[in-house]
PDB file of N, CA and C in Angstrom:
ATOM      1  N   MET A   1     161.241-204.978 -83.373  1.00  0.00           N
ATOM      2  CA  MET A   1     160.636-203.775 -82.841  1.00  0.00           C
ATOM      3  C   MET A   1     161.419-203.347 -81.605  1.00  0.00           C
ATOM      4  N   GLY A   2     161.763-202.072 -81.507  1.00  0.00           N
ATOM      5  CA  GLY A   2     162.535-201.565 -80.392  1.00  0.00           C
ATOM      6  C   GLY A   2     161.691-201.291 -79.160  1.00  0.00           C
ATOM      7  N   LYS A   3     162.376-200.954 -78.092  1.00  0.00           N
ATOM      8  CA  LYS A   3     161.699-200.716 -76.816  1.00  0.00           C
ATOM      9  C   LYS A   3     160.714-199.542 -76.906  1.00  0.00           C
ATOM     10  N   ILE A   4     161.108-198.462 -77.555  1.00  0.00           N
ATOM     11  CA  ILE A   4     160.234-197.288 -77.687  1.00  0.00           C
ATOM     12  C   ILE A   4     158.968-197.663 -78.460  1.00  0.00           C
ATOM     13  N   GLU A   5     159.127-198.424 -79.532  1.00  0.00           N
ATOM     14  CA  GLU A   5     157.964-198.836 -80.324  1.00  0.00           C
ATOM     15  C   GLU A   5     157.038-199.726 -79.514  1.00  0.00           C
ATOM     16  N   ASN A   6     157.602-200.607 -78.677  1.00  0.00           N
ATOM     17  CA  ASN A   6     156.773-201.473 -77.826  1.00  0.00           C
ATOM     18  C   ASN A   6     155.977-200.653 -76.815  1.00  0.00           C
ATOM     19  N   ILE A   7     156.631-199.681 -76.200  1.00  0.00           N
ATOM     20  CA  ILE A   7     155.953-198.822 -75.233  1.00  0.00           C
ATOM     21  C   ILE A   7     154.868-198.006 -75.931  1.00  0.00           C
ATOM     22  N   PHE A   8     155.196-197.484 -77.115  1.00  0.00           N
ATOM     23  CA  PHE A   8     154.241-196.690 -77.883  1.00  0.00           C
ATOM     24  C   PHE A   8     153.005-197.529 -78.225  1.00  0.00           C
ATOM     25  N   ALA A   9     153.215-198.773 -78.622  1.00  0.00           N
ATOM     26  CA  ALA A   9     152.091-199.668 -78.929  1.00  0.00           C
ATOM     27  C   ALA A   9     151.255-199.917 -77.675  1.00  0.00           C
ATOM     28  N   GLN A  10     151.905-200.093 -76.536  1.00  0.00           N
ATOM     29  CA  GLN A  10     151.183-200.297 -75.280  1.00  0.00           C
ATOM     30  C   GLN A  10     150.380-199.052 -74.918  1.00  0.00           C
ATOM     31  N   MET A  11     150.963-197.876 -75.136  1.00  0.00           N
ATOM     32  CA  MET A  11     150.268-196.624 -74.849  1.00  0.00           C
ATOM     33  C   MET A  11     149.001-196.511 -75.681  1.00  0.00           C
ATOM     34  N   ASN A  12     149.079-196.889 -76.945  1.00  0.00           N
ATOM     35  CA  ASN A  12     147.903-196.841 -77.819  1.00  0.00           C
ATOM     36  C   ASN A  12     146.858-197.866 -77.416  1.00  0.00           C
ATOM     37  N   HIS A  13     147.313-199.025 -77.005  1.00  0.00           N
ATOM     38  CA  HIS A  13     146.397-200.109 -76.663  1.00  0.00           C
ATOM     39  C   HIS A  13     145.696-199.878 -75.329  1.00  0.00           C
ATOM     40  N   CYS A  14     146.447-199.450 -74.313  1.00  0.00           N
ATOM     41  CA  CYS A  14     145.876-199.305 -72.968  1.00  0.00           C
ATOM     42  C   CYS A  14     146.560-198.147 -72.232  1.00  0.00           C
ATOM     43  N   PRO A  15     146.088-196.927 -72.421  1.00  0.00           N
ATOM     44  CA  PRO A  15     146.735-195.769 -71.788  1.00  0.00           C
ATOM     45  C   PRO A  15     146.630-195.754 -70.265  1.00  0.00           C
ATOM     46  N   LYS A  16     145.769-196.573 -69.697  1.00  0.00           N
ATOM     47  CA  LYS A  16     145.620-196.594 -68.234  1.00  0.00           C
ATOM     48  C   LYS A  16     146.719-197.375 -67.534  1.00  0.00           C
ATOM     49  N   ASN A  17     147.432-198.200 -68.271  1.00  0.00           N
ATOM     50  CA  ASN A  17     148.406-199.083 -67.645  1.00  0.00           C
ATOM     51  C   ASN A  17     149.815-198.831 -68.173  1.00  0.00           C
ATOM     52  N   VAL A  18     150.262-197.575 -68.107  1.00  0.00           N
ATOM     53  CA  VAL A  18     151.587-197.202 -68.594  1.00  0.00           C
ATOM     54  C   VAL A  18     152.419-196.732 -67.410  1.00  0.00           C
ATOM     55  N   ARG A  19     153.606-197.276 -67.301  1.00  0.00           N
ATOM     56  CA  ARG A  19     154.492-196.837 -66.226  1.00  0.00           C
ATOM     57  C   ARG A  19     155.021-195.437 -66.540  1.00  0.00           C
ATOM     58  N   PHE A  20     155.182-194.633 -65.500  1.00  0.00           N
ATOM     59  CA  PHE A  20     155.685-193.270 -65.673  1.00  0.00           C
ATOM     60  C   PHE A  20     157.071-193.288 -66.305  1.00  0.00           C
ATOM     61  N   LYS A  21     157.902-194.213 -65.880  1.00  0.00           N
ATOM     62  CA  LYS A  21     159.259-194.332 -66.413  1.00  0.00           C
ATOM     63  C   LYS A  21     159.234-194.581 -67.925  1.00  0.00           C
ATOM     64  N   ASP A  22     158.310-195.430 -68.381  1.00  0.00           N
ATOM     65  CA  ASP A  22     158.189-195.712 -69.809  1.00  0.00           C
ATOM     66  C   ASP A  22     157.699-194.493 -70.579  1.00  0.00           C
ATOM     67  N   LEU A  23     156.738-193.773 -70.009  1.00  0.00           N
ATOM     68  CA  LEU A  23     156.248-192.555 -70.652  1.00  0.00           C
ATOM     69  C   LEU A  23     157.369-191.522 -70.762  1.00  0.00           C
ATOM     70  N   CYS A  24     158.204-191.432 -69.751  1.00  0.00           N
ATOM     71  CA  CYS A  24     159.348-190.515 -69.798  1.00  0.00           C
ATOM     72  C   CYS A  24     160.303-190.881 -70.936  1.00  0.00           C
ATOM     73  N   MET A  25     160.542-192.183 -71.120  1.00  0.00           N
ATOM     74  CA  MET A  25     161.434-192.615 -72.207  1.00  0.00           C
ATOM     75  C   MET A  25     160.880-192.215 -73.561  1.00  0.00           C
ATOM     76  N   VAL A  26     159.575-192.377 -73.761  1.00  0.00           N
ATOM     77  CA  VAL A  26     158.950-192.000 -75.032  1.00  0.00           C
ATOM     78  C   VAL A  26     159.029-190.485 -75.227  1.00  0.00           C
ATOM     79  N   CYS A  27     158.728-189.724 -74.182  1.00  0.00           N
ATOM     80  CA  CYS A  27     158.782-188.257 -74.282  1.00  0.00           C
ATOM     81  C   CYS A  27     160.207-187.775 -74.534  1.00  0.00           C
ATOM     82  N   ASP A  28     161.187-188.365 -73.862  1.00  0.00           N
ATOM     83  CA  ASP A  28     162.593-188.003 -74.103  1.00  0.00           C
ATOM     84  C   ASP A  28     162.966-188.265 -75.557  1.00  0.00           C
ATOM     85  N   TYR A  29     162.486-189.356 -76.108  1.00  0.00           N
ATOM     86  CA  TYR A  29     162.789-189.740 -77.481  1.00  0.00           C
ATOM     87  C   TYR A  29     162.196-188.743 -78.480  1.00  0.00           C
ATOM     88  N   TYR A  30     160.943-188.373 -78.282  1.00  0.00           N
ATOM     89  CA  TYR A  30     160.270-187.496 -79.235  1.00  0.00           C
ATOM     90  C   TYR A  30     160.492-186.003 -78.987  1.00  0.00           C
ATOM     91  N   PHE A  31     160.608-185.588 -77.731  1.00  0.00           N
ATOM     92  CA  PHE A  31     160.651-184.157 -77.419  1.00  0.00           C
ATOM     93  C   PHE A  31     161.982-183.681 -76.844  1.00  0.00           C
ATOM     94  N   GLY A  32     162.914-184.571 -76.595  1.00  0.00           N
ATOM     95  CA  GLY A  32     164.194-184.184 -75.994  1.00  0.00           C
ATOM     96  C   GLY A  32     164.093-184.229 -74.481  1.00  0.00           C
ATOM     97  N   ASN A  33     165.108-183.725 -73.829  1.00  0.00           N
ATOM     98  CA  ASN A  33     165.138-183.750 -72.369  1.00  0.00           C
ATOM     99  C   ASN A  33     164.066-182.854 -71.770  1.00  0.00           C
ATOM    100  N   ALA A  34     163.569-183.280 -70.631  1.00  0.00           N
ATOM    101  CA  ALA A  34     162.544-182.506 -69.930  1.00  0.00           C
ATOM    102  C   ALA A  34     163.131-181.209 -69.395  1.00  0.00           C
ATOM    103  N   ARG A  35     162.314-180.173 -69.397  1.00  0.00           N
ATOM    104  CA  ARG A  35     162.729-178.881 -68.858  1.00  0.00           C
ATOM    105  C   ARG A  35     162.777-178.930 -67.341  1.00  0.00           C
ATOM    106  N   GLN A  36     161.901-179.701 -66.761  1.00  0.00           N
ATOM    107  CA  GLN A  36     161.836-179.831 -65.310  1.00  0.00           C
ATOM    108  C   GLN A  36     161.847-181.308 -64.970  1.00  0.00           C
ATOM    109  N   ARG A  37     162.685-181.710 -64.009  1.00  0.00           N
ATOM    110  CA  ARG A  37     162.791-183.118 -63.668  1.00  0.00           C
ATOM    111  C   ARG A  37     162.748-183.373 -62.168  1.00  0.00           C
ATOM    112  N   GLY A  38     162.937-182.397 -61.338  1.00  0.00           N
ATOM    113  CA  GLY A  38     163.130-182.603 -59.908  1.00  0.00           C
ATOM    114  C   GLY A  38     161.893-182.958 -59.116  1.00  0.00           C
ATOM    115  N   SER A  39     160.729-182.736 -59.653  1.00  0.00           N
ATOM    116  CA  SER A  39     159.506-182.995 -58.894  1.00  0.00           C
ATOM    117  C   SER A  39     158.748-184.167 -59.514  1.00  0.00           C
ATOM    118  N   SER A  40     157.506-184.325 -59.140  1.00  0.00           N
ATOM    119  CA  SER A  40     156.698-185.401 -59.707  1.00  0.00           C
ATOM    120  C   SER A  40     156.264-185.083 -61.138  1.00  0.00           C
ATOM    121  N   HIS A  41     156.452-183.846 -61.574  1.00  0.00           N
ATOM    122  CA  HIS A  41     156.092-183.438 -62.936  1.00  0.00           C
ATOM    123  C   HIS A  41     157.332-183.393 -63.814  1.00  0.00           C
ATOM    124  N   ARG A  42     157.112-183.646 -65.091  1.00  0.00           N
ATOM    125  CA  ARG A  42     158.139-183.413 -66.114  1.00  0.00           C
ATOM    126  C   ARG A  42     157.483-182.601 -67.212  1.00  0.00           C
ATOM    127  N   ILE A  43     158.176-181.586 -67.665  1.00  0.00           N
ATOM    128  CA  ILE A  43     157.634-180.694 -68.685  1.00  0.00           C
ATOM    129  C   ILE A  43     158.551-180.734 -69.904  1.00  0.00           C
ATOM    130  N   TYR A  44     157.954-181.015 -71.070  1.00  0.00           N
ATOM    131  CA  TYR A  44     158.684-181.116 -72.327  1.00  0.00           C
ATOM    132  C   TYR A  44     158.223-180.014 -73.265  1.00  0.00           C
ATOM    133  N   LYS A  45     159.177-179.412 -73.977  1.00  0.00           N
ATOM    134  CA  LYS A  45     158.872-178.347 -74.928  1.00  0.00           C
ATOM    135  C   LYS A  45     158.537-178.955 -76.284  1.00  0.00           C
ATOM    136  N   THR A  46     157.554-178.357 -76.947  1.00  0.00           N
ATOM    137  CA  THR A  46     157.175-178.761 -78.302  1.00  0.00           C
ATOM    138  C   THR A  46     157.390-177.583 -79.248  1.00  0.00           C
ATOM    139  N   PRO A  47     157.511-177.837 -80.553  1.00  0.00           N
ATOM    140  CA  PRO A  47     157.873-176.754 -81.485  1.00  0.00           C
ATOM    141  C   PRO A  47     156.735-175.851 -81.935  1.00  0.00           C
ATOM    142  N   TRP A  48     155.498-176.084 -81.518  1.00  0.00           N
ATOM    143  CA  TRP A  48     154.392-175.280 -82.032  1.00  0.00           C
ATOM    144  C   TRP A  48     154.017-174.139 -81.097  1.00  0.00           C
ATOM    145  N   GLN A  49     153.268-173.194 -81.666  1.00  0.00           N
ATOM    146  CA  GLN A  49     152.796-172.022 -80.928  1.00  0.00           C
ATOM    147  C   GLN A  49     151.594-172.387 -80.073  1.00  0.00           C
ATOM    148  N   GLY A  50     151.219-171.510 -79.187  1.00  0.00           N
ATOM    149  CA  GLY A  50     150.038-171.730 -78.351  1.00  0.00           C
ATOM    150  C   GLY A  50     150.448-172.320 -77.019  1.00  0.00           C
ATOM    151  N   ASP A  51     150.168-173.579 -76.821  1.00  0.00           N
ATOM    152  CA  ASP A  51     150.540-174.264 -75.587  1.00  0.00           C
ATOM    153  C   ASP A  51     151.702-175.201 -75.919  1.00  0.00           C
ATOM    154  N   PRO A  52     152.911-174.653 -75.957  1.00  0.00           N
ATOM    155  CA  PRO A  52     154.052-175.422 -76.481  1.00  0.00           C
ATOM    156  C   PRO A  52     154.726-176.322 -75.446  1.00  0.00           C
ATOM    157  N   ARG A  53     153.921-177.122 -74.732  1.00  0.00           N
ATOM    158  CA  ARG A  53     154.548-178.014 -73.767  1.00  0.00           C
ATOM    159  C   ARG A  53     153.708-179.259 -73.556  1.00  0.00           C
ATOM    160  N   VAL A  54     154.386-180.287 -73.099  1.00  0.00           N
ATOM    161  CA  VAL A  54     153.740-181.524 -72.683  1.00  0.00           C
ATOM    162  C   VAL A  54     154.108-181.697 -71.220  1.00  0.00           C
ATOM    163  N   ASN A  55     153.111-181.859 -70.379  1.00  0.00           N
ATOM    164  CA  ASN A  55     153.312-181.977 -68.939  1.00  0.00           C
ATOM    165  C   ASN A  55     152.838-183.357 -68.501  1.00  0.00           C
ATOM    166  N   ILE A  56     153.756-184.132 -67.904  1.00  0.00           N
ATOM    167  CA  ILE A  56     153.365-185.447 -67.409  1.00  0.00           C
ATOM    168  C   ILE A  56     153.672-185.518 -65.917  1.00  0.00           C
ATOM    169  N   GLN A  57     152.975-186.410 -65.241  1.00  0.00           N
ATOM    170  CA  GLN A  57     153.054-186.460 -63.783  1.00  0.00           C
ATOM    171  C   GLN A  57     153.132-187.907 -63.309  1.00  0.00           C
ATOM    172  N   ASN A  58     153.998-188.137 -62.323  1.00  0.00           N
ATOM    173  CA  ASN A  58     154.146-189.455 -61.717  1.00  0.00           C
ATOM    174  C   ASN A  58     153.042-189.653 -60.678  1.00  0.00           C
ATOM    175  N   ASN A  59     152.316-190.746 -60.815  1.00  0.00           N
ATOM    176  CA  ASN A  59     151.245-191.067 -59.887  1.00  0.00           C
ATOM    177  C   ASN A  59     151.507-192.471 -59.336  1.00  0.00           C
ATOM    178  N   LYS A  60     152.359-192.535 -58.317  1.00  0.00           N
ATOM    179  CA  LYS A  60     152.721-193.812 -57.685  1.00  0.00           C
ATOM    180  C   LYS A  60     153.317-194.788 -58.681  1.00  0.00           C
ATOM    181  N   GLY A  61     154.203-194.293 -59.530  1.00  0.00           N
ATOM    182  CA  GLY A  61     154.887-195.141 -60.498  1.00  0.00           C
ATOM    183  C   GLY A  61     154.161-195.304 -61.824  1.00  0.00           C
ATOM    184  N   LYS A  62     152.931-194.873 -61.901  1.00  0.00           N
ATOM    185  CA  LYS A  62     152.149-194.968 -63.132  1.00  0.00           C
ATOM    186  C   LYS A  62     151.952-193.578 -63.732  1.00  0.00           C
ATOM    187  N   ALA A  63     151.708-193.556 -65.029  1.00  0.00           N
ATOM    188  CA  ALA A  63     151.376-192.310 -65.708  1.00  0.00           C
ATOM    189  C   ALA A  63     149.862-192.156 -65.693  1.00  0.00           C
ATOM    190  N   LYS A  64     149.412-190.933 -65.630  1.00  0.00           N
ATOM    191  CA  LYS A  64     147.972-190.681 -65.670  1.00  0.00           C
ATOM    192  C   LYS A  64     147.468-190.892 -67.098  1.00  0.00           C
ATOM    193  N   ALA A  65     146.340-191.581 -67.223  1.00  0.00           N
ATOM    194  CA  ALA A  65     145.820-191.973 -68.540  1.00  0.00           C
ATOM    195  C   ALA A  65     145.558-190.765 -69.435  1.00  0.00           C
ATOM    196  N   TYR A  66     145.005-189.696 -68.884  1.00  0.00           N
ATOM    197  CA  TYR A  66     144.711-188.534 -69.727  1.00  0.00           C
ATOM    198  C   TYR A  66     145.998-187.889 -70.226  1.00  0.00           C
ATOM    199  N   GLN A  67     147.071-187.972 -69.445  1.00  0.00           N
ATOM    200  CA  GLN A  67     148.347-187.422 -69.894  1.00  0.00           C
ATOM    201  C   GLN A  67     148.986-188.311 -70.959  1.00  0.00           C
ATOM    202  N   VAL A  68     148.799-189.611 -70.852  1.00  0.00           N
ATOM    203  CA  VAL A  68     149.269-190.525 -71.901  1.00  0.00           C
ATOM    204  C   VAL A  68     148.578-190.183 -73.206  1.00  0.00           C
ATOM    205  N   LYS A  69     147.281-189.941 -73.165  1.00  0.00           N
ATOM    206  CA  LYS A  69     146.529-189.571 -74.369  1.00  0.00           C
ATOM    207  C   LYS A  69     147.011-188.235 -74.930  1.00  0.00           C
ATOM    208  N   GLN A  70     147.339-187.281 -74.050  1.00  0.00           N
ATOM    209  CA  GLN A  70     147.862-185.994 -74.508  1.00  0.00           C
ATOM    210  C   GLN A  70     149.213-186.176 -75.195  1.00  0.00           C
ATOM    211  N   VAL A  71     150.052-187.045 -74.664  1.00  0.00           N
ATOM    212  CA  VAL A  71     151.348-187.323 -75.280  1.00  0.00           C
ATOM    213  C   VAL A  71     151.143-187.957 -76.653  1.00  0.00           C
ATOM    214  N   LEU A  72     150.229-188.899 -76.763  1.00  0.00           N
ATOM    215  CA  LEU A  72     149.945-189.530 -78.055  1.00  0.00           C
ATOM    216  C   LEU A  72     149.478-188.497 -79.086  1.00  0.00           C
ATOM    217  N   MET A  73     148.611-187.584 -78.671  1.00  0.00           N
ATOM    218  CA  MET A  73     148.148-186.532 -79.590  1.00  0.00           C
ATOM    219  C   MET A  73     149.288-185.599 -79.974  1.00  0.00           C
ATOM    220  N   ALA A  74     150.166-185.279 -79.032  1.00  0.00           N
ATOM    221  CA  ALA A  74     151.299-184.406 -79.322  1.00  0.00           C
ATOM    222  C   ALA A  74     152.272-185.085 -80.291  1.00  0.00           C
ATOM    223  N   ILE A  75     152.502-186.376 -80.130  1.00  0.00           N
ATOM    224  CA  ILE A  75     153.381-187.106 -81.048  1.00  0.00           C
ATOM    225  C   ILE A  75     152.763-187.144 -82.440  1.00  0.00           C
ATOM    226  N   GLU A  76     151.461-187.367 -82.522  1.00  0.00           N
ATOM    227  CA  GLU A  76     150.785-187.366 -83.821  1.00  0.00           C
ATOM    228  C   GLU A  76     150.896-185.998 -84.484  1.00  0.00           C
ATOM    229  N   ARG A  77     150.685-184.957 -83.712  1.00  0.00           N
ATOM    230  CA  ARG A  77     150.789-183.596 -84.259  1.00  0.00           C
ATOM    231  C   ARG A  77     152.217-183.321 -84.721  1.00  0.00           C
ATOM    232  N   LEU A  78     153.183-183.779 -83.963  1.00  0.00           N
ATOM    233  CA  LEU A  78     154.592-183.598 -84.312  1.00  0.00           C
ATOM    234  C   LEU A  78     154.905-184.291 -85.633  1.00  0.00           C
ATOM    235  N   GLU A  79     154.419-185.514 -85.788  1.00  0.00           N
ATOM    236  CA  GLU A  79     154.689-186.270 -87.009  1.00  0.00           C
ATOM    237  C   GLU A  79     153.973-185.687 -88.226  1.00  0.00           C
ATOM    238  N   VAL A  80     152.722-185.261 -88.036  1.00  0.00           N
ATOM    239  CA  VAL A  80     151.936-184.729 -89.156  1.00  0.00           C
ATOM    240  C   VAL A  80     152.448-183.361 -89.588  1.00  0.00           C
ATOM    241  N   ASN A  81     152.628-182.455 -88.642  1.00  0.00           N
ATOM    242  CA  ASN A  81     152.954-181.063 -88.968  1.00  0.00           C
ATOM    243  C   ASN A  81     154.447-180.811 -89.179  1.00  0.00           C
ATOM    244  N   TYR A  82     155.288-181.622 -88.573  1.00  0.00           N
ATOM    245  CA  TYR A  82     156.725-181.357 -88.625  1.00  0.00           C
ATOM    246  C   TYR A  82     157.509-182.491 -89.250  1.00  0.00           C
ATOM    247  N   GLY A  83     156.836-183.531 -89.701  1.00  0.00           N
ATOM    248  CA  GLY A  83     157.502-184.622 -90.401  1.00  0.00           C
ATOM    249  C   GLY A  83     158.532-185.350 -89.565  1.00  0.00           C
ATOM    250  N   THR A  84     158.323-185.397 -88.268  1.00  0.00           N
ATOM    251  CA  THR A  84     159.281-186.025 -87.375  1.00  0.00           C
ATOM    252  C   THR A  84     158.791-187.421 -87.015  1.00  0.00           C
ATOM    253  N   GLU A  85     158.938-188.323 -87.935  1.00  0.00           N
ATOM    254  CA  GLU A  85     158.550-189.703 -87.654  1.00  0.00           C
ATOM    255  C   GLU A  85     159.803-190.465 -87.309  1.00  0.00           C
ATOM    256  N   LYS A  86     159.859-190.972 -86.101  1.00  0.00           N
ATOM    257  CA  LYS A  86     161.067-191.661 -85.651  1.00  0.00           C
ATOM    258  C   LYS A  86     160.855-193.137 -85.626  1.00  0.00           C
TER     259      LYS A  86
END
């Protein structure tokens, strides 16, 4: 199992204890490079209409649990609707 898969499994198991750096690696893998990187926020573009972005925020080195859950839902939507299973 690769590093991304290990992080993804950890995200599913315990979204409260995910490092921001690890969440960034997963988002980079699934969504490409972030549109914004210079601040505490990172914004990733998604291919669907409506709210086509994933926004994550660094909170003292950790990712916010609700944002981890949003990333998990976005990855699921990406895989189901666009067949992008990596």
